[in-house]
């Protein structure tokens, strides 16, 4: 079942339950999917990598907003963002621990025979594909840098 189908089913459930937080978040996900489908390079059906990128982008937006709201002591808006983050995370695979990410990146470094920071692009390309949805880009980049330097 595609992400779009799952979201549509959950929208119906949220409407029946009158769960406004879920409904708001699911509609945002559906909107992002529709926008991605209308882009030139995407076809009618989005592959799993594109779906994961959409979800990660939405999650990152909410994390950034939550940070700002926390700095400004806007607890009302902060709670909304946290609710939405929890709903979005239901669709993402479980996040890997930093140790797991390091182990995966070490395998990729051995596979590509990377030795220096000049090889970071090769490693990041493979690692981001392999670990899509399980780790954010910033953490992945930090791990790769620490292992290559």
N, C-alpha and C. Protein backbone atom coordinates (compact mmCIF):
# COMPACT_ATOMS: atom_id res chain seq x y z
N UNK A 1 0.84 -1.18 0.00
CA UNK A 1 0.00 0.00 0.00
C UNK A 1 0.89 1.24 0.00
N UNK A 2 0.59 2.18 -0.87
CA UNK A 2 1.41 3.38 -0.98
C UNK A 2 1.11 4.34 0.18
N UNK A 3 2.00 5.29 0.34
CA UNK A 3 1.84 6.28 1.39
C UNK A 3 0.54 7.06 1.20
N UNK A 4 0.24 7.39 -0.04
CA UNK A 4 -0.97 8.16 -0.33
C UNK A 4 -2.23 7.39 0.10
N UNK A 5 -2.25 6.10 -0.17
CA UNK A 5 -3.41 5.29 0.23
C UNK A 5 -3.54 5.21 1.74
N UNK A 6 -2.41 5.05 2.43
CA UNK A 6 -2.43 5.00 3.89
C UNK A 6 -2.95 6.31 4.46
N UNK A 7 -2.47 7.42 3.90
CA UNK A 7 -2.88 8.74 4.38
C UNK A 7 -4.38 8.94 4.15
N UNK A 8 -4.85 8.56 2.98
CA UNK A 8 -6.28 8.71 2.69
C UNK A 8 -7.14 7.91 3.66
N UNK A 9 -6.71 6.70 3.98
CA UNK A 9 -7.45 5.88 4.94
C UNK A 9 -7.47 6.54 6.32
N UNK A 10 -6.32 7.06 6.72
CA UNK A 10 -6.24 7.67 8.05
C UNK A 10 -6.99 9.00 8.10
N UNK A 11 -7.09 9.69 6.97
CA UNK A 11 -7.89 10.93 6.94
C UNK A 11 -9.35 10.59 7.24
N UNK A 12 -9.85 9.53 6.62
CA UNK A 12 -11.23 9.11 6.87
C UNK A 12 -11.44 8.79 8.34
N UNK A 13 -10.49 8.05 8.91
CA UNK A 13 -10.58 7.68 10.32
C UNK A 13 -10.55 8.93 11.21
N UNK A 14 -9.64 9.85 10.90
CA UNK A 14 -9.53 11.08 11.70
C UNK A 14 -10.80 11.92 11.60
N UNK A 15 -11.43 11.92 10.43
CA UNK A 15 -12.68 12.67 10.27
C UNK A 15 -13.79 12.06 11.13
N UNK A 16 -13.86 10.74 11.13
CA UNK A 16 -14.89 10.06 11.92
C UNK A 16 -14.66 10.28 13.42
N UNK A 17 -13.40 10.28 13.82
CA UNK A 17 -13.05 10.48 15.23
C UNK A 17 -13.02 11.95 15.63
N UNK A 18 -13.13 12.84 14.65
CA UNK A 18 -13.05 14.29 14.86
C UNK A 18 -11.74 14.68 15.54
N UNK A 19 -10.67 14.05 15.10
CA UNK A 19 -9.33 14.32 15.62
C UNK A 19 -8.69 15.40 14.75
N UNK A 20 -8.75 16.63 15.22
CA UNK A 20 -8.29 17.77 14.42
C UNK A 20 -6.78 17.77 14.18
N UNK A 21 -6.01 17.36 15.17
CA UNK A 21 -4.55 17.34 15.01
C UNK A 21 -4.14 16.35 13.92
N UNK A 22 -4.71 15.15 13.97
CA UNK A 22 -4.40 14.15 12.94
C UNK A 22 -4.86 14.62 11.58
N UNK A 23 -6.04 15.15 11.52
CA UNK A 23 -6.62 15.60 10.26
C UNK A 23 -5.76 16.69 9.63
N UNK A 24 -5.33 17.65 10.45
CA UNK A 24 -4.49 18.75 9.96
C UNK A 24 -3.17 18.21 9.40
N UNK A 25 -2.55 17.30 10.12
CA UNK A 25 -1.26 16.76 9.70
C UNK A 25 -1.40 15.87 8.47
N UNK A 26 -2.40 15.02 8.46
CA UNK A 26 -2.60 14.12 7.32
C UNK A 26 -2.91 14.90 6.05
N UNK A 27 -3.65 15.96 6.19
CA UNK A 27 -3.93 16.81 5.01
C UNK A 27 -2.65 17.48 4.51
N UNK A 28 -1.77 17.86 5.41
CA UNK A 28 -0.49 18.44 5.00
C UNK A 28 0.35 17.41 4.24
N UNK A 29 0.34 16.18 4.72
CA UNK A 29 1.08 15.11 4.03
C UNK A 29 0.49 14.88 2.64
N UNK A 30 -0.84 14.82 2.58
CA UNK A 30 -1.51 14.59 1.30
C UNK A 30 -1.20 15.72 0.32
N UNK A 31 -1.18 16.93 0.81
CA UNK A 31 -0.86 18.09 -0.03
C UNK A 31 0.57 17.99 -0.57
N UNK A 32 1.50 17.61 0.28
CA UNK A 32 2.90 17.48 -0.16
C UNK A 32 3.04 16.38 -1.21
N UNK A 33 2.27 15.30 -1.05
CA UNK A 33 2.30 14.20 -2.03
C UNK A 33 1.76 14.69 -3.37
N UNK A 34 0.66 15.42 -3.35
CA UNK A 34 0.07 15.92 -4.59
C UNK A 34 1.01 16.89 -5.29
N UNK A 35 1.68 17.73 -4.53
CA UNK A 35 2.65 18.66 -5.12
C UNK A 35 3.80 17.88 -5.77
N UNK A 36 4.28 16.85 -5.08
CA UNK A 36 5.38 16.04 -5.63
C UNK A 36 4.94 15.32 -6.90
N UNK A 37 3.70 14.89 -6.94
CA UNK A 37 3.20 14.18 -8.13
C UNK A 37 3.11 15.09 -9.35
N UNK A 38 2.88 16.37 -9.13
CA UNK A 38 2.74 17.29 -10.25
C UNK A 38 4.07 17.81 -10.77
N UNK A 39 5.15 17.56 -10.05
CA UNK A 39 6.47 17.98 -10.53
C UNK A 39 6.85 17.17 -11.76
N UNK A 40 7.67 17.74 -12.60
CA UNK A 40 8.02 17.15 -13.89
C UNK A 40 8.66 15.77 -13.79
N UNK A 41 9.64 15.62 -12.90
CA UNK A 41 10.38 14.36 -12.86
C UNK A 41 9.60 13.21 -12.24
N UNK A 42 8.56 13.52 -11.51
CA UNK A 42 7.79 12.45 -10.87
C UNK A 42 6.63 12.01 -11.76
N UNK A 43 6.29 10.77 -11.64
CA UNK A 43 5.21 10.21 -12.43
C UNK A 43 3.96 10.13 -11.57
N UNK A 44 2.99 9.38 -12.03
CA UNK A 44 1.74 9.21 -11.29
C UNK A 44 1.97 8.55 -9.94
N UNK A 45 2.87 7.57 -9.90
CA UNK A 45 3.12 6.83 -8.66
C UNK A 45 4.50 7.21 -8.15
N UNK A 46 4.56 7.64 -6.90
CA UNK A 46 5.83 8.01 -6.29
C UNK A 46 6.50 6.76 -5.72
N UNK A 47 7.82 6.68 -5.90
CA UNK A 47 8.50 5.53 -5.31
C UNK A 47 8.76 5.80 -3.82
N UNK A 48 9.18 4.78 -3.13
CA UNK A 48 9.31 4.86 -1.67
C UNK A 48 10.34 5.91 -1.24
N UNK A 49 11.42 6.08 -2.01
CA UNK A 49 12.43 7.07 -1.65
C UNK A 49 11.86 8.48 -1.68
N UNK A 50 11.06 8.79 -2.68
CA UNK A 50 10.45 10.11 -2.79
C UNK A 50 9.49 10.32 -1.63
N UNK A 51 8.72 9.29 -1.30
CA UNK A 51 7.78 9.39 -0.17
C UNK A 51 8.54 9.66 1.14
N UNK A 52 9.65 8.98 1.34
CA UNK A 52 10.44 9.18 2.56
C UNK A 52 11.00 10.60 2.61
N UNK A 53 11.45 11.12 1.46
CA UNK A 53 11.98 12.48 1.43
C UNK A 53 10.89 13.49 1.77
N UNK A 54 9.69 13.25 1.28
CA UNK A 54 8.57 14.14 1.58
C UNK A 54 8.30 14.16 3.08
N UNK A 55 8.24 12.97 3.67
CA UNK A 55 7.97 12.88 5.10
C UNK A 55 9.10 13.50 5.93
N UNK A 56 10.33 13.27 5.51
CA UNK A 56 11.46 13.85 6.23
C UNK A 56 11.43 15.37 6.16
N UNK A 57 11.08 15.89 5.00
CA UNK A 57 11.00 17.34 4.84
C UNK A 57 9.92 17.92 5.74
N UNK A 58 8.76 17.29 5.78
CA UNK A 58 7.67 17.76 6.64
C UNK A 58 8.08 17.68 8.11
N UNK A 59 8.75 16.61 8.49
CA UNK A 59 9.19 16.45 9.87
C UNK A 59 10.22 17.52 10.23
N UNK A 60 11.15 17.77 9.34
CA UNK A 60 12.19 18.78 9.57
C UNK A 60 11.57 20.16 9.73
N UNK A 61 10.56 20.48 8.91
CA UNK A 61 9.88 21.77 9.03
C UNK A 61 9.27 21.93 10.41
N UNK A 62 8.63 20.88 10.90
CA UNK A 62 8.00 20.94 12.21
C UNK A 62 9.04 21.02 13.33
N UNK A 63 10.17 20.34 13.16
CA UNK A 63 11.23 20.41 14.17
C UNK A 63 11.79 21.83 14.24
N UNK A 64 12.01 22.44 13.09
CA UNK A 64 12.52 23.80 13.06
C UNK A 64 11.53 24.77 13.71
N UNK A 65 10.26 24.61 13.38
CA UNK A 65 9.23 25.47 13.98
C UNK A 65 9.15 25.27 15.48
N UNK A 66 9.24 24.02 15.92
CA UNK A 66 9.18 23.72 17.35
C UNK A 66 10.33 24.39 18.09
N UNK A 67 11.51 24.38 17.49
CA UNK A 67 12.67 25.02 18.10
C UNK A 67 12.44 26.51 18.28
N UNK A 68 11.89 27.13 17.25
CA UNK A 68 11.61 28.57 17.31
C UNK A 68 10.56 28.87 18.37
N UNK A 69 9.49 28.07 18.38
CA UNK A 69 8.43 28.29 19.36
C UNK A 69 8.92 28.09 20.78
N UNK A 70 9.82 27.14 20.95
CA UNK A 70 10.38 26.90 22.28
C UNK A 70 11.22 28.08 22.74
N UNK A 71 12.00 28.65 21.83
CA UNK A 71 12.82 29.82 22.16
C UNK A 71 11.96 31.03 22.52
N UNK A 72 10.80 31.11 21.90
CA UNK A 72 9.91 32.25 22.12
C UNK A 72 8.86 31.99 23.20
N UNK A 73 8.97 30.85 23.88
CA UNK A 73 8.03 30.46 24.94
C UNK A 73 6.58 30.43 24.46
N UNK A 74 6.36 29.92 23.26
CA UNK A 74 5.01 29.78 22.70
C UNK A 74 4.59 28.32 22.86
N UNK A 75 4.24 27.94 24.07
CA UNK A 75 3.93 26.54 24.36
C UNK A 75 2.70 26.06 23.61
N UNK A 76 1.75 26.95 23.33
CA UNK A 76 0.55 26.54 22.60
C UNK A 76 0.90 26.07 21.19
N UNK A 77 1.73 26.84 20.51
CA UNK A 77 2.15 26.46 19.15
C UNK A 77 3.14 25.29 19.19
N UNK A 78 3.96 25.23 20.22
CA UNK A 78 4.93 24.14 20.37
C UNK A 78 4.20 22.80 20.48
N UNK A 79 3.12 22.76 21.24
CA UNK A 79 2.36 21.52 21.39
C UNK A 79 1.77 21.05 20.06
N UNK A 80 1.28 21.99 19.25
CA UNK A 80 0.75 21.63 17.93
C UNK A 80 1.83 20.99 17.06
N UNK A 81 3.00 21.58 17.09
CA UNK A 81 4.10 21.05 16.28
C UNK A 81 4.51 19.66 16.76
N UNK A 82 4.53 19.46 18.06
CA UNK A 82 4.90 18.14 18.61
C UNK A 82 3.85 17.09 18.23
N UNK A 83 2.58 17.47 18.26
CA UNK A 83 1.52 16.54 17.84
C UNK A 83 1.72 16.13 16.39
N UNK A 84 2.00 17.11 15.54
CA UNK A 84 2.18 16.84 14.12
C UNK A 84 3.42 15.99 13.88
N UNK A 85 4.50 16.24 14.62
CA UNK A 85 5.71 15.44 14.46
C UNK A 85 5.44 13.98 14.80
N UNK A 86 4.68 13.75 15.86
CA UNK A 86 4.37 12.37 16.27
C UNK A 86 3.57 11.65 15.18
N UNK A 87 2.65 12.34 14.55
CA UNK A 87 1.83 11.74 13.50
C UNK A 87 2.68 11.43 12.27
N UNK A 88 3.55 12.35 11.89
CA UNK A 88 4.41 12.14 10.72
C UNK A 88 5.36 10.97 10.97
N UNK A 89 5.88 10.86 12.19
CA UNK A 89 6.84 9.80 12.50
C UNK A 89 6.21 8.41 12.43
N UNK A 90 4.89 8.33 12.49
CA UNK A 90 4.23 7.03 12.35
C UNK A 90 4.48 6.43 10.96
N UNK A 91 4.68 7.27 9.97
CA UNK A 91 4.86 6.81 8.60
C UNK A 91 6.33 6.54 8.25
N UNK A 92 7.24 7.01 9.09
CA UNK A 92 8.67 6.82 8.84
C UNK A 92 9.16 5.55 9.54
N UNK A 93 10.19 4.90 8.96
CA UNK A 93 10.77 3.75 9.66
C UNK A 93 11.44 4.23 10.94
N UNK A 94 11.63 3.34 11.91
CA UNK A 94 12.26 3.75 13.16
C UNK A 94 13.65 4.32 12.91
N UNK A 95 13.98 5.37 13.64
CA UNK A 95 15.28 6.03 13.47
C UNK A 95 16.39 5.13 14.02
N UNK A 96 17.52 5.18 13.36
CA UNK A 96 18.68 4.39 13.80
C UNK A 96 19.44 5.16 14.88
N UNK A 97 20.07 4.43 15.78
CA UNK A 97 20.93 5.07 16.78
C UNK A 97 22.23 5.50 16.09
N UNK A 98 22.97 6.36 16.75
CA UNK A 98 24.21 6.85 16.15
C UNK A 98 25.20 5.71 15.93
N UNK A 99 25.20 4.73 16.83
CA UNK A 99 26.10 3.58 16.69
C UNK A 99 25.73 2.74 15.46
N UNK A 100 24.43 2.57 15.24
CA UNK A 100 23.98 1.82 14.06
C UNK A 100 24.35 2.55 12.78
N UNK A 101 24.20 3.88 12.80
CA UNK A 101 24.57 4.68 11.63
C UNK A 101 26.06 4.54 11.36
N UNK A 102 26.87 4.59 12.41
CA UNK A 102 28.31 4.45 12.24
C UNK A 102 28.67 3.09 11.65
N UNK A 103 28.01 2.05 12.11
CA UNK A 103 28.30 0.71 11.58
C UNK A 103 27.93 0.62 10.10
N UNK A 104 26.78 1.17 9.73
CA UNK A 104 26.36 1.16 8.33
C UNK A 104 27.32 1.97 7.46
N UNK A 105 27.74 3.14 7.95
CA UNK A 105 28.64 4.00 7.19
C UNK A 105 30.01 3.33 7.04
N UNK A 106 30.47 2.63 8.09
CA UNK A 106 31.75 1.91 7.98
C UNK A 106 31.71 0.87 6.87
N UNK A 107 30.59 0.16 6.76
CA UNK A 107 30.43 -0.82 5.68
C UNK A 107 30.50 -0.13 4.32
N UNK A 108 29.85 1.00 4.20
CA UNK A 108 29.84 1.73 2.93
C UNK A 108 31.23 2.24 2.60
N UNK A 109 31.96 2.71 3.61
CA UNK A 109 33.33 3.19 3.39
C UNK A 109 34.21 2.04 2.89
N UNK A 110 34.06 0.87 3.48
CA UNK A 110 34.83 -0.29 3.03
C UNK A 110 34.44 -0.69 1.61
N UNK A 111 33.17 -0.62 1.32
CA UNK A 111 32.67 -0.99 0.00
C UNK A 111 33.21 -0.04 -1.08
N UNK A 112 33.21 1.26 -0.79
CA UNK A 112 33.67 2.24 -1.78
C UNK A 112 35.17 2.47 -1.71
N UNK A 113 35.83 1.89 -0.71
CA UNK A 113 37.26 2.07 -0.49
C UNK A 113 37.63 3.54 -0.31
N UNK A 114 36.77 4.26 0.37
CA UNK A 114 37.01 5.68 0.63
C UNK A 114 38.09 5.83 1.70
N UNK A 115 38.94 6.80 1.49
CA UNK A 115 40.05 7.01 2.42
C UNK A 115 40.07 8.43 3.00
N UNK A 116 39.72 9.42 2.19
CA UNK A 116 39.85 10.81 2.63
C UNK A 116 38.52 11.55 2.48
N UNK A 117 38.54 12.80 2.90
CA UNK A 117 37.35 13.64 2.79
C UNK A 117 36.96 13.88 1.33
N UNK A 118 37.90 13.70 0.42
CA UNK A 118 37.60 13.86 -1.00
C UNK A 118 36.59 12.81 -1.47
N UNK A 119 36.52 11.70 -0.76
CA UNK A 119 35.59 10.62 -1.10
C UNK A 119 34.24 10.75 -0.40
N UNK A 120 34.04 11.85 0.30
CA UNK A 120 32.82 12.01 1.09
C UNK A 120 31.57 11.96 0.21
N UNK A 121 31.64 12.52 -0.98
CA UNK A 121 30.49 12.53 -1.88
C UNK A 121 30.01 11.14 -2.23
N UNK A 122 30.95 10.25 -2.53
CA UNK A 122 30.59 8.86 -2.86
C UNK A 122 29.90 8.19 -1.68
N UNK A 123 30.49 8.37 -0.51
CA UNK A 123 29.96 7.72 0.70
C UNK A 123 28.57 8.29 1.04
N UNK A 124 28.44 9.60 0.99
CA UNK A 124 27.16 10.24 1.32
C UNK A 124 26.06 9.80 0.36
N UNK A 125 26.40 9.69 -0.92
CA UNK A 125 25.40 9.27 -1.91
C UNK A 125 24.85 7.89 -1.61
N UNK A 126 25.73 6.94 -1.38
CA UNK A 126 25.29 5.58 -1.07
C UNK A 126 24.59 5.50 0.29
N UNK A 127 25.15 6.20 1.26
CA UNK A 127 24.59 6.14 2.62
C UNK A 127 23.19 6.76 2.66
N UNK A 128 23.00 7.86 1.97
CA UNK A 128 21.68 8.51 2.00
C UNK A 128 20.62 7.64 1.32
N UNK A 129 21.02 6.89 0.30
CA UNK A 129 20.07 5.98 -0.34
C UNK A 129 19.76 4.79 0.57
N UNK A 130 20.80 4.23 1.16
CA UNK A 130 20.63 3.03 1.99
C UNK A 130 19.88 3.33 3.29
N UNK A 131 20.11 4.49 3.85
CA UNK A 131 19.54 4.83 5.16
C UNK A 131 18.39 5.82 5.05
N UNK A 132 17.78 5.93 3.89
CA UNK A 132 16.70 6.89 3.67
C UNK A 132 15.58 6.69 4.69
N UNK A 133 15.22 7.78 5.33
CA UNK A 133 14.13 7.74 6.29
C UNK A 133 14.52 7.28 7.68
N UNK A 134 15.73 6.75 7.82
CA UNK A 134 16.14 6.23 9.12
C UNK A 134 17.09 7.16 9.86
N UNK A 135 17.64 8.14 9.15
CA UNK A 135 18.56 9.09 9.77
C UNK A 135 18.47 10.40 9.00
N UNK A 136 18.61 11.52 9.72
CA UNK A 136 18.56 12.81 9.02
C UNK A 136 19.92 13.12 8.42
N UNK A 137 19.93 13.99 7.43
CA UNK A 137 21.14 14.30 6.68
C UNK A 137 22.26 14.89 7.53
N UNK A 138 21.90 15.69 8.51
CA UNK A 138 22.91 16.33 9.36
C UNK A 138 23.68 15.28 10.16
N UNK A 139 22.97 14.36 10.77
CA UNK A 139 23.62 13.30 11.56
C UNK A 139 24.48 12.43 10.66
N UNK A 140 23.95 12.08 9.49
CA UNK A 140 24.69 11.25 8.55
C UNK A 140 25.98 11.94 8.12
N UNK A 141 25.89 13.21 7.82
CA UNK A 141 27.06 13.98 7.41
C UNK A 141 28.11 14.02 8.52
N UNK A 142 27.68 14.22 9.75
CA UNK A 142 28.62 14.26 10.88
C UNK A 142 29.34 12.92 11.04
N UNK A 143 28.60 11.83 10.91
CA UNK A 143 29.19 10.50 11.05
C UNK A 143 30.21 10.24 9.95
N UNK A 144 29.83 10.57 8.71
CA UNK A 144 30.75 10.36 7.59
C UNK A 144 32.02 11.19 7.76
N UNK A 145 31.87 12.45 8.16
CA UNK A 145 33.04 13.31 8.38
C UNK A 145 33.94 12.74 9.46
N UNK A 146 33.35 12.29 10.55
CA UNK A 146 34.18 11.78 11.66
C UNK A 146 34.91 10.49 11.25
N UNK A 147 34.30 9.67 10.42
CA UNK A 147 34.95 8.42 10.03
C UNK A 147 36.00 8.62 8.92
N UNK A 148 35.82 9.64 8.10
CA UNK A 148 36.79 9.87 7.01
C UNK A 148 37.94 10.75 7.41
N UNK A 149 37.82 11.48 8.51
CA UNK A 149 38.92 12.37 8.88
C UNK A 149 39.89 11.72 9.84
